Amino acid sequence: MSLAGLGVLIIGLAFAALALFLVKVLNNLAAVLDGVDKTVEQLPHQIDEVLKETSGLIRHSNDTLADVNEKLRGLSPLFYIIGDVGEASRKLSSSFMDASSSLKNKSTEVEHKYLGSVYGSVALGYYWLRKGKKRKGSESNLYKNGNKRADKIKMIKNNVKSDVNK
């Protein structure tokens, strides 16, 4: 065999190996395409199921929205009433604030001579109160007995509380 014949034989063997490799690759490609074909065949059925569930969900959402709107229509008058009450209370508090600020302004205008007589009256009352206590000296029996009974009542209450907590 000559070199040319040997070269042709090697090329032929390489071509045969390439053909076998391509057959294997093409068989794998055919299997993949079969899987894709099966998936594509199932796709319309799956899309129909998804669309049915989506339609049901939208229908349910519309029912829920209609129910919420109906309940809000029932509550709207209540919100209007609350708004009116809030506005009325704002106006009332505003008028009270105006009245208090005018009284404050008037009270700052009071002259000190009127305050002097008030302070004098308070001081005189305090003096008489202190003098009356000194004159009495000790506490009266009625006051002492009242304090003793109040202490006994407190002690009884504490005993009852401690018994209840046990």
N, C-alpha and C. Protein backbone atom coordinates (compact mmCIF):
# COMPACT_ATOMS: atom_id res chain seq x y z
N MET A 1 0.81 -1.15 0.00
CA MET A 1 0.00 0.00 0.00
C MET A 1 0.88 1.24 0.00
N SER A 2 0.44 2.14 -0.72
CA SER A 2 1.22 3.35 -0.84
C SER A 2 0.77 4.35 0.23
N LEU A 3 1.50 5.39 0.26
CA LEU A 3 1.18 6.41 1.26
C LEU A 3 -0.15 7.07 0.95
N ALA A 4 -0.49 7.22 -0.27
CA ALA A 4 -1.77 7.83 -0.63
C ALA A 4 -2.90 6.93 -0.20
N GLY A 5 -2.75 5.62 -0.40
CA GLY A 5 -3.79 4.69 0.01
C GLY A 5 -3.92 4.66 1.53
N LEU A 6 -2.78 4.73 2.19
CA LEU A 6 -2.81 4.76 3.64
C LEU A 6 -3.49 6.03 4.14
N GLY A 7 -3.25 7.14 3.49
CA GLY A 7 -3.87 8.42 3.87
C GLY A 7 -5.37 8.36 3.67
N VAL A 8 -5.78 7.74 2.54
CA VAL A 8 -7.22 7.63 2.26
C VAL A 8 -7.87 6.73 3.31
N LEU A 9 -7.18 5.66 3.70
CA LEU A 9 -7.72 4.74 4.71
C LEU A 9 -7.88 5.45 6.05
N ILE A 10 -6.90 6.26 6.45
CA ILE A 10 -6.97 7.00 7.72
C ILE A 10 -8.10 8.01 7.66
N ILE A 11 -8.23 8.68 6.51
CA ILE A 11 -9.31 9.65 6.36
C ILE A 11 -10.65 8.93 6.44
N GLY A 12 -10.75 7.75 5.84
CA GLY A 12 -11.99 6.98 5.87
C GLY A 12 -12.34 6.55 7.29
N LEU A 13 -11.33 6.09 8.05
CA LEU A 13 -11.57 5.70 9.44
C LEU A 13 -11.99 6.91 10.29
N ALA A 14 -11.35 8.04 10.05
CA ALA A 14 -11.70 9.25 10.79
C ALA A 14 -13.12 9.68 10.45
N PHE A 15 -13.47 9.55 9.15
CA PHE A 15 -14.82 9.91 8.72
C PHE A 15 -15.84 8.97 9.36
N ALA A 16 -15.53 7.69 9.47
CA ALA A 16 -16.43 6.72 10.09
C ALA A 16 -16.59 7.02 11.58
N ALA A 17 -15.49 7.37 12.27
CA ALA A 17 -15.56 7.72 13.69
C ALA A 17 -16.39 8.98 13.89
N LEU A 18 -16.20 9.94 12.98
CA LEU A 18 -16.98 11.16 13.04
C LEU A 18 -18.45 10.87 12.82
N ALA A 19 -18.75 9.99 11.89
CA ALA A 19 -20.14 9.62 11.61
C ALA A 19 -20.75 8.95 12.83
N LEU A 20 -20.02 8.04 13.50
CA LEU A 20 -20.53 7.38 14.71
C LEU A 20 -20.78 8.39 15.83
N PHE A 21 -19.85 9.32 15.98
CA PHE A 21 -20.01 10.36 17.00
C PHE A 21 -21.24 11.21 16.71
N LEU A 22 -21.41 11.60 15.44
CA LEU A 22 -22.57 12.41 15.06
C LEU A 22 -23.87 11.63 15.24
N VAL A 23 -23.85 10.33 15.01
CA VAL A 23 -25.06 9.52 15.22
C VAL A 23 -25.45 9.55 16.69
N LYS A 24 -24.46 9.39 17.56
CA LYS A 24 -24.74 9.42 18.99
C LYS A 24 -25.29 10.78 19.41
N VAL A 25 -24.67 11.86 18.96
CA VAL A 25 -25.12 13.22 19.29
C VAL A 25 -26.52 13.46 18.75
N LEU A 26 -26.77 13.02 17.51
CA LEU A 26 -28.09 13.23 16.92
C LEU A 26 -29.16 12.41 17.63
N ASN A 27 -28.81 11.21 18.10
CA ASN A 27 -29.77 10.41 18.88
C ASN A 27 -30.12 11.12 20.20
N ASN A 28 -29.11 11.66 20.87
CA ASN A 28 -29.37 12.42 22.11
C ASN A 28 -30.24 13.65 21.82
N LEU A 29 -29.95 14.33 20.72
CA LEU A 29 -30.74 15.50 20.32
C LEU A 29 -32.18 15.09 20.03
N ALA A 30 -32.36 13.94 19.42
CA ALA A 30 -33.71 13.45 19.13
C ALA A 30 -34.46 13.16 20.44
N ALA A 31 -33.76 12.60 21.44
CA ALA A 31 -34.40 12.32 22.73
C ALA A 31 -34.81 13.62 23.41
N VAL A 32 -33.94 14.63 23.34
CA VAL A 32 -34.27 15.93 23.93
C VAL A 32 -35.47 16.54 23.23
N LEU A 33 -35.49 16.46 21.92
CA LEU A 33 -36.62 17.01 21.16
C LEU A 33 -37.91 16.26 21.44
N ASP A 34 -37.83 14.94 21.71
CA ASP A 34 -39.02 14.19 22.11
C ASP A 34 -39.55 14.71 23.45
N GLY A 35 -38.65 14.97 24.39
CA GLY A 35 -39.07 15.53 25.69
C GLY A 35 -39.70 16.90 25.54
N VAL A 36 -39.11 17.72 24.68
CA VAL A 36 -39.68 19.05 24.42
C VAL A 36 -41.06 18.91 23.79
N ASP A 37 -41.20 17.94 22.88
CA ASP A 37 -42.49 17.72 22.22
C ASP A 37 -43.56 17.33 23.25
N LYS A 38 -43.20 16.43 24.17
CA LYS A 38 -44.16 16.03 25.21
C LYS A 38 -44.53 17.22 26.10
N THR A 39 -43.55 18.03 26.46
CA THR A 39 -43.81 19.21 27.28
C THR A 39 -44.72 20.18 26.56
N VAL A 40 -44.46 20.41 25.28
CA VAL A 40 -45.28 21.33 24.49
C VAL A 40 -46.70 20.78 24.36
N GLU A 41 -46.85 19.45 24.27
CA GLU A 41 -48.18 18.87 24.20
C GLU A 41 -48.95 19.08 25.50
N GLN A 42 -48.27 19.05 26.66
CA GLN A 42 -48.93 19.24 27.95
C GLN A 42 -49.18 20.71 28.26
N LEU A 43 -48.50 21.60 27.60
CA LEU A 43 -48.57 23.03 27.88
C LEU A 43 -49.98 23.60 27.76
N PRO A 44 -50.76 23.33 26.70
CA PRO A 44 -52.11 23.90 26.63
C PRO A 44 -52.99 23.47 27.81
N HIS A 45 -52.87 22.20 28.22
CA HIS A 45 -53.67 21.72 29.35
C HIS A 45 -53.27 22.47 30.64
N GLN A 46 -51.98 22.64 30.86
CA GLN A 46 -51.51 23.34 32.05
C GLN A 46 -51.91 24.81 32.02
N ILE A 47 -51.84 25.43 30.85
CA ILE A 47 -52.25 26.83 30.73
C ILE A 47 -53.74 26.97 31.01
N ASP A 48 -54.55 26.01 30.54
CA ASP A 48 -55.98 26.05 30.82
C ASP A 48 -56.25 25.98 32.32
N GLU A 49 -55.53 25.10 33.02
CA GLU A 49 -55.71 24.98 34.46
C GLU A 49 -55.31 26.27 35.17
N VAL A 50 -54.20 26.86 34.77
CA VAL A 50 -53.75 28.11 35.38
C VAL A 50 -54.76 29.22 35.13
N LEU A 51 -55.29 29.29 33.92
CA LEU A 51 -56.28 30.32 33.60
C LEU A 51 -57.57 30.12 34.39
N LYS A 52 -57.98 28.86 34.59
CA LYS A 52 -59.19 28.60 35.39
C LYS A 52 -58.98 29.05 36.83
N GLU A 53 -57.83 28.72 37.40
CA GLU A 53 -57.56 29.12 38.78
C GLU A 53 -57.44 30.64 38.90
N THR A 54 -56.83 31.27 37.91
CA THR A 54 -56.71 32.72 37.91
C THR A 54 -58.09 33.37 37.82
N SER A 55 -58.95 32.82 36.98
CA SER A 55 -60.31 33.36 36.86
C SER A 55 -61.05 33.22 38.18
N GLY A 56 -60.91 32.07 38.83
CA GLY A 56 -61.55 31.88 40.14
C GLY A 56 -61.03 32.85 41.17
N LEU A 57 -59.73 33.08 41.15
CA LEU A 57 -59.12 34.01 42.09
C LEU A 57 -59.61 35.43 41.84
N ILE A 58 -59.69 35.84 40.59
CA ILE A 58 -60.18 37.18 40.26
C ILE A 58 -61.64 37.32 40.68
N ARG A 59 -62.44 36.28 40.44
CA ARG A 59 -63.85 36.32 40.82
C ARG A 59 -63.98 36.45 42.34
N HIS A 60 -63.18 35.68 43.07
CA HIS A 60 -63.22 35.75 44.53
C HIS A 60 -62.76 37.13 45.02
N SER A 61 -61.73 37.68 44.39
CA SER A 61 -61.25 39.02 44.75
C SER A 61 -62.32 40.06 44.50
N ASN A 62 -63.04 39.94 43.39
CA ASN A 62 -64.11 40.89 43.09
C ASN A 62 -65.22 40.79 44.13
N ASP A 63 -65.57 39.56 44.55
CA ASP A 63 -66.59 39.40 45.58
C ASP A 63 -66.14 40.03 46.90
N THR A 64 -64.89 39.81 47.26
CA THR A 64 -64.36 40.39 48.49
C THR A 64 -64.35 41.91 48.41
N LEU A 65 -63.95 42.44 47.28
CA LEU A 65 -63.92 43.89 47.10
C LEU A 65 -65.32 44.47 47.17
N ALA A 66 -66.29 43.80 46.59
CA ALA A 66 -67.68 44.28 46.66
C ALA A 66 -68.17 44.26 48.10
N ASP A 67 -67.80 43.23 48.86
CA ASP A 67 -68.20 43.15 50.27
C ASP A 67 -67.57 44.28 51.07
N VAL A 68 -66.29 44.54 50.83
CA VAL A 68 -65.61 45.63 51.54
C VAL A 68 -66.24 46.98 51.19
N ASN A 69 -66.56 47.19 49.92
CA ASN A 69 -67.19 48.45 49.51
C ASN A 69 -68.55 48.61 50.17
N GLU A 70 -69.31 47.52 50.27
CA GLU A 70 -70.62 47.59 50.90
C GLU A 70 -70.49 47.95 52.38
N LYS A 71 -69.51 47.36 53.05
CA LYS A 71 -69.30 47.67 54.47
C LYS A 71 -68.81 49.10 54.65
N LEU A 72 -67.98 49.58 53.74
CA LEU A 72 -67.52 50.96 53.84
C LEU A 72 -68.66 51.94 53.62
N ARG A 73 -69.59 51.60 52.71
CA ARG A 73 -70.76 52.46 52.51
C ARG A 73 -71.57 52.55 53.80
N GLY A 74 -71.62 51.46 54.55
CA GLY A 74 -72.34 51.48 55.82
C GLY A 74 -71.62 52.30 56.87
N LEU A 75 -70.29 52.36 56.80
CA LEU A 75 -69.51 53.11 57.79
C LEU A 75 -69.33 54.58 57.43
N SER A 76 -69.57 54.95 56.20
CA SER A 76 -69.33 56.34 55.78
C SER A 76 -70.07 57.35 56.63
N PRO A 77 -71.37 57.15 56.94
CA PRO A 77 -72.05 58.13 57.80
C PRO A 77 -71.38 58.26 59.17
N LEU A 78 -70.87 57.15 59.69
CA LEU A 78 -70.20 57.20 60.98
C LEU A 78 -68.95 58.08 60.89
N PHE A 79 -68.20 57.95 59.80
CA PHE A 79 -67.02 58.78 59.64
C PHE A 79 -67.38 60.26 59.49
N TYR A 80 -68.48 60.53 58.80
CA TYR A 80 -68.94 61.92 58.69
C TYR A 80 -69.32 62.47 60.06
N ILE A 81 -70.00 61.65 60.86
CA ILE A 81 -70.40 62.09 62.20
C ILE A 81 -69.17 62.35 63.05
N ILE A 82 -68.20 61.44 62.98
CA ILE A 82 -66.96 61.62 63.75
C ILE A 82 -66.24 62.89 63.30
N GLY A 83 -66.23 63.14 62.00
CA GLY A 83 -65.61 64.37 61.50
C GLY A 83 -66.32 65.61 62.01
N ASP A 84 -67.67 65.56 62.04
CA ASP A 84 -68.44 66.70 62.54
C ASP A 84 -68.18 66.92 64.03
N VAL A 85 -68.11 65.82 64.80
CA VAL A 85 -67.83 65.94 66.23
C VAL A 85 -66.42 66.51 66.44
N GLY A 86 -65.48 66.06 65.65
CA GLY A 86 -64.12 66.59 65.76
C GLY A 86 -64.06 68.07 65.45
N GLU A 87 -64.78 68.48 64.42
CA GLU A 87 -64.82 69.90 64.07
C GLU A 87 -65.47 70.72 65.18
N ALA A 88 -66.57 70.20 65.74
CA ALA A 88 -67.26 70.91 66.82
C ALA A 88 -66.37 71.01 68.05
N SER A 89 -65.67 69.92 68.39
CA SER A 89 -64.78 69.97 69.56
C SER A 89 -63.60 70.91 69.30
N ARG A 90 -63.14 70.98 68.07
CA ARG A 90 -62.06 71.92 67.76
C ARG A 90 -62.52 73.35 67.96
N LYS A 91 -63.73 73.64 67.49
CA LYS A 91 -64.27 74.99 67.67
C LYS A 91 -64.48 75.31 69.14
N LEU A 92 -64.98 74.31 69.91
CA LEU A 92 -65.22 74.52 71.33
C LEU A 92 -63.90 74.76 72.06
N SER A 93 -62.90 73.94 71.77
CA SER A 93 -61.61 74.12 72.45
C SER A 93 -60.97 75.45 72.03
N SER A 94 -61.20 75.85 70.79
CA SER A 94 -60.68 77.14 70.34
C SER A 94 -61.33 78.28 71.12
N SER A 95 -62.65 78.17 71.33
CA SER A 95 -63.33 79.24 72.08
C SER A 95 -62.88 79.22 73.54
N PHE A 96 -62.66 78.02 74.13
CA PHE A 96 -62.14 77.95 75.49
C PHE A 96 -60.75 78.56 75.57
N MET A 97 -59.94 78.30 74.56
CA MET A 97 -58.59 78.84 74.55
C MET A 97 -58.63 80.37 74.45
N ASP A 98 -59.53 80.89 73.63
CA ASP A 98 -59.67 82.34 73.53
C ASP A 98 -60.12 82.94 74.86
N ALA A 99 -61.09 82.26 75.51
CA ALA A 99 -61.59 82.77 76.79
C ALA A 99 -60.50 82.72 77.85
N SER A 100 -59.73 81.64 77.89
CA SER A 100 -58.67 81.54 78.90
C SER A 100 -57.57 82.56 78.64
N SER A 101 -57.26 82.81 77.38
CA SER A 101 -56.22 83.81 77.11
C SER A 101 -56.70 85.20 77.47
N SER A 102 -58.00 85.49 77.26
CA SER A 102 -58.51 86.81 77.66
C SER A 102 -58.53 86.94 79.18
N LEU A 103 -58.86 85.84 79.91
CA LEU A 103 -58.81 85.88 81.37
C LEU A 103 -57.38 86.06 81.85
N LYS A 104 -56.45 85.44 81.18
CA LYS A 104 -55.05 85.58 81.56
C LYS A 104 -54.60 87.02 81.38
N ASN A 105 -55.00 87.61 80.28
CA ASN A 105 -54.64 89.00 80.04
C ASN A 105 -55.25 89.91 81.09
N LYS A 106 -56.50 89.63 81.47
CA LYS A 106 -57.16 90.45 82.49
C LYS A 106 -56.51 90.26 83.85
N SER A 107 -56.10 89.01 84.16
CA SER A 107 -55.51 88.74 85.47
C SER A 107 -54.14 89.40 85.61
N THR A 108 -53.42 89.58 84.53
CA THR A 108 -52.12 90.24 84.63
C THR A 108 -52.28 91.74 84.84
N GLU A 109 -53.46 92.24 84.53
CA GLU A 109 -53.71 93.68 84.69
C GLU A 109 -54.16 94.04 86.10
N VAL A 110 -54.35 93.02 86.97
CA VAL A 110 -54.79 93.30 88.34
C VAL A 110 -53.70 94.08 89.06
N GLU A 111 -54.11 95.09 89.78
CA GLU A 111 -53.13 95.92 90.48
C GLU A 111 -52.68 95.24 91.77
N HIS A 112 -51.51 95.60 92.20
CA HIS A 112 -50.92 94.96 93.37
C HIS A 112 -51.63 95.32 94.66
N LYS A 113 -52.37 96.40 94.70
CA LYS A 113 -53.03 96.78 95.95
C LYS A 113 -54.12 95.76 96.32
N TYR A 114 -54.75 95.14 95.32
CA TYR A 114 -55.76 94.13 95.63
C TYR A 114 -55.09 92.87 96.16
N LEU A 115 -53.92 92.55 95.62
CA LEU A 115 -53.20 91.37 96.08
C LEU A 115 -52.70 91.56 97.51
N GLY A 116 -52.38 92.77 97.88
CA GLY A 116 -51.91 93.05 99.24
C GLY A 116 -52.97 92.72 100.26
N SER A 117 -54.22 93.05 99.98
CA SER A 117 -55.28 92.74 100.93
C SER A 117 -55.51 91.23 101.01
N VAL A 118 -55.37 90.51 99.89
CA VAL A 118 -55.52 89.06 99.90
C VAL A 118 -54.40 88.42 100.72
N TYR A 119 -53.18 88.86 100.50
CA TYR A 119 -52.06 88.32 101.27
C TYR A 119 -52.23 88.61 102.77
N GLY A 120 -52.69 89.79 103.10
CA GLY A 120 -52.92 90.14 104.50
C GLY A 120 -53.97 89.25 105.13
N SER A 121 -55.04 88.99 104.41
CA SER A 121 -56.11 88.13 104.94
C SER A 121 -55.60 86.71 105.17
N VAL A 122 -54.82 86.19 104.25
CA VAL A 122 -54.26 84.85 104.40
C VAL A 122 -53.31 84.80 105.59
N ALA A 123 -52.48 85.80 105.76
CA ALA A 123 -51.54 85.83 106.88
C ALA A 123 -52.29 85.90 108.21
N LEU A 124 -53.35 86.71 108.27
CA LEU A 124 -54.14 86.83 109.49
C LEU A 124 -54.82 85.50 109.83
N GLY A 125 -55.36 84.82 108.81
CA GLY A 125 -55.99 83.51 109.04
C GLY A 125 -54.99 82.50 109.54
N TYR A 126 -53.81 82.49 108.99
CA TYR A 126 -52.76 81.56 109.42
C TYR A 126 -52.36 81.85 110.86
N TYR A 127 -52.24 83.12 111.20
CA TYR A 127 -51.88 83.51 112.56
C TYR A 127 -52.93 83.02 113.55
N TRP A 128 -54.20 83.22 113.24
CA TRP A 128 -55.28 82.79 114.15
C TRP A 128 -55.30 81.26 114.28
N LEU A 129 -55.03 80.57 113.20
CA LEU A 129 -54.99 79.11 113.24
C LEU A 129 -53.87 78.62 114.15
N ARG A 130 -52.71 79.20 114.03
CA ARG A 130 -51.57 78.80 114.87
C ARG A 130 -51.83 79.14 116.34
N LYS A 131 -52.41 80.28 116.57
CA LYS A 131 -52.70 80.70 117.94
C LYS A 131 -53.74 79.79 118.57
N GLY A 132 -54.73 79.36 117.77
CA GLY A 132 -55.76 78.45 118.28
C GLY A 132 -55.18 77.10 118.65
N LYS A 133 -54.23 76.60 117.89
CA LYS A 133 -53.60 75.31 118.20
C LYS A 133 -52.78 75.41 119.48
N LYS A 134 -52.09 76.53 119.67
CA LYS A 134 -51.29 76.70 120.89
C LYS A 134 -52.20 76.78 122.11
N ARG A 135 -53.35 77.41 121.94
CA ARG A 135 -54.27 77.57 123.05
C ARG A 135 -54.84 76.21 123.48
N LYS A 136 -55.12 75.36 122.53
CA LYS A 136 -55.68 74.05 122.87
C LYS A 136 -54.66 73.20 123.60
N GLY A 137 -53.43 73.33 123.24
CA GLY A 137 -52.39 72.58 123.92
C GLY A 137 -52.27 71.18 123.36
N SER A 138 -52.87 70.21 124.02
CA SER A 138 -52.75 68.82 123.59
C SER A 138 -53.97 68.44 122.76
N GLU A 139 -53.88 67.28 122.20
CA GLU A 139 -54.97 66.78 121.37
C GLU A 139 -56.13 66.36 122.24
N SER A 140 -57.33 66.44 121.71
CA SER A 140 -58.51 66.03 122.47
C SER A 140 -58.61 64.51 122.48
N ASN A 141 -59.39 63.98 123.43
CA ASN A 141 -59.58 62.53 123.54
C ASN A 141 -60.27 61.98 122.31
N LEU A 142 -61.21 62.71 121.76
CA LEU A 142 -61.94 62.26 120.57
C LEU A 142 -60.97 62.07 119.40
N TYR A 143 -60.05 63.01 119.24
CA TYR A 143 -59.06 62.91 118.17
C TYR A 143 -58.14 61.72 118.39
N LYS A 144 -57.69 61.50 119.63
CA LYS A 144 -56.81 60.37 119.94
C LYS A 144 -57.51 59.05 119.69
N ASN A 145 -58.78 58.94 120.16
CA ASN A 145 -59.53 57.69 119.96
C ASN A 145 -59.75 57.42 118.47
N GLY A 146 -60.02 58.46 117.71
CA GLY A 146 -60.21 58.30 116.27
C GLY A 146 -58.95 57.79 115.60
N ASN A 147 -57.80 58.32 115.98
CA ASN A 147 -56.54 57.86 115.41
C ASN A 147 -56.25 56.41 115.78
N LYS A 148 -56.55 56.02 117.02
CA LYS A 148 -56.33 54.63 117.44
C LYS A 148 -57.19 53.69 116.61
N ARG A 149 -58.46 54.05 116.43
CA ARG A 149 -59.36 53.18 115.66
C ARG A 149 -58.92 53.11 114.19
N ALA A 150 -58.47 54.21 113.64
CA ALA A 150 -57.99 54.20 112.26
C ALA A 150 -56.77 53.29 112.12
N ASP A 151 -55.88 53.31 113.12
CA ASP A 151 -54.71 52.43 113.09
C ASP A 151 -55.12 50.97 113.17
N LYS A 152 -56.12 50.66 114.02
CA LYS A 152 -56.62 49.28 114.13
C LYS A 152 -57.21 48.81 112.81
N ILE A 153 -57.97 49.69 112.14
CA ILE A 153 -58.58 49.33 110.85
C ILE A 153 -57.50 49.05 109.81
N LYS A 154 -56.45 49.87 109.78
CA LYS A 154 -55.35 49.65 108.84
C LYS A 154 -54.67 48.32 109.11
N MET A 155 -54.47 47.99 110.42
CA MET A 155 -53.83 46.74 110.78
C MET A 155 -54.69 45.55 110.34
N ILE A 156 -56.00 45.64 110.54
CA ILE A 156 -56.90 44.55 110.14
C ILE A 156 -56.86 44.38 108.62
N LYS A 157 -56.88 45.49 107.88
CA LYS A 157 -56.81 45.41 106.42
C LYS A 157 -55.52 44.74 105.97
N ASN A 158 -54.41 45.10 106.58
CA ASN A 158 -53.13 44.49 106.21
C ASN A 158 -53.12 43.00 106.51
N ASN A 159 -53.71 42.60 107.66
CA ASN A 159 -53.79 41.17 107.99
C ASN A 159 -54.62 40.42 106.97
N VAL A 160 -55.74 41.01 106.57
CA VAL A 160 -56.60 40.35 105.58
C VAL A 160 -55.88 40.23 104.25
N LYS A 161 -55.17 41.29 103.84
CA LYS A 161 -54.43 41.24 102.58
C LYS A 161 -53.36 40.15 102.62
N SER A 162 -52.65 40.05 103.74
CA SER A 162 -51.60 39.03 103.83
C SER A 162 -52.20 37.63 103.83
N ASP A 163 -53.38 37.46 104.46
CA ASP A 163 -54.04 36.15 104.44
C ASP A 163 -54.52 35.80 103.04
N VAL A 164 -55.01 36.77 102.31
CA VAL A 164 -55.50 36.53 100.95
C VAL A 164 -54.34 36.18 100.03
N ASN A 165 -53.23 36.84 100.19
CA ASN A 165 -52.07 36.60 99.33
C ASN A 165 -51.43 35.24 99.58
N LYS A 166 -51.67 34.67 100.77
CA LYS A 166 -51.10 33.35 101.07
C LYS A 166 -51.83 32.35 100.26
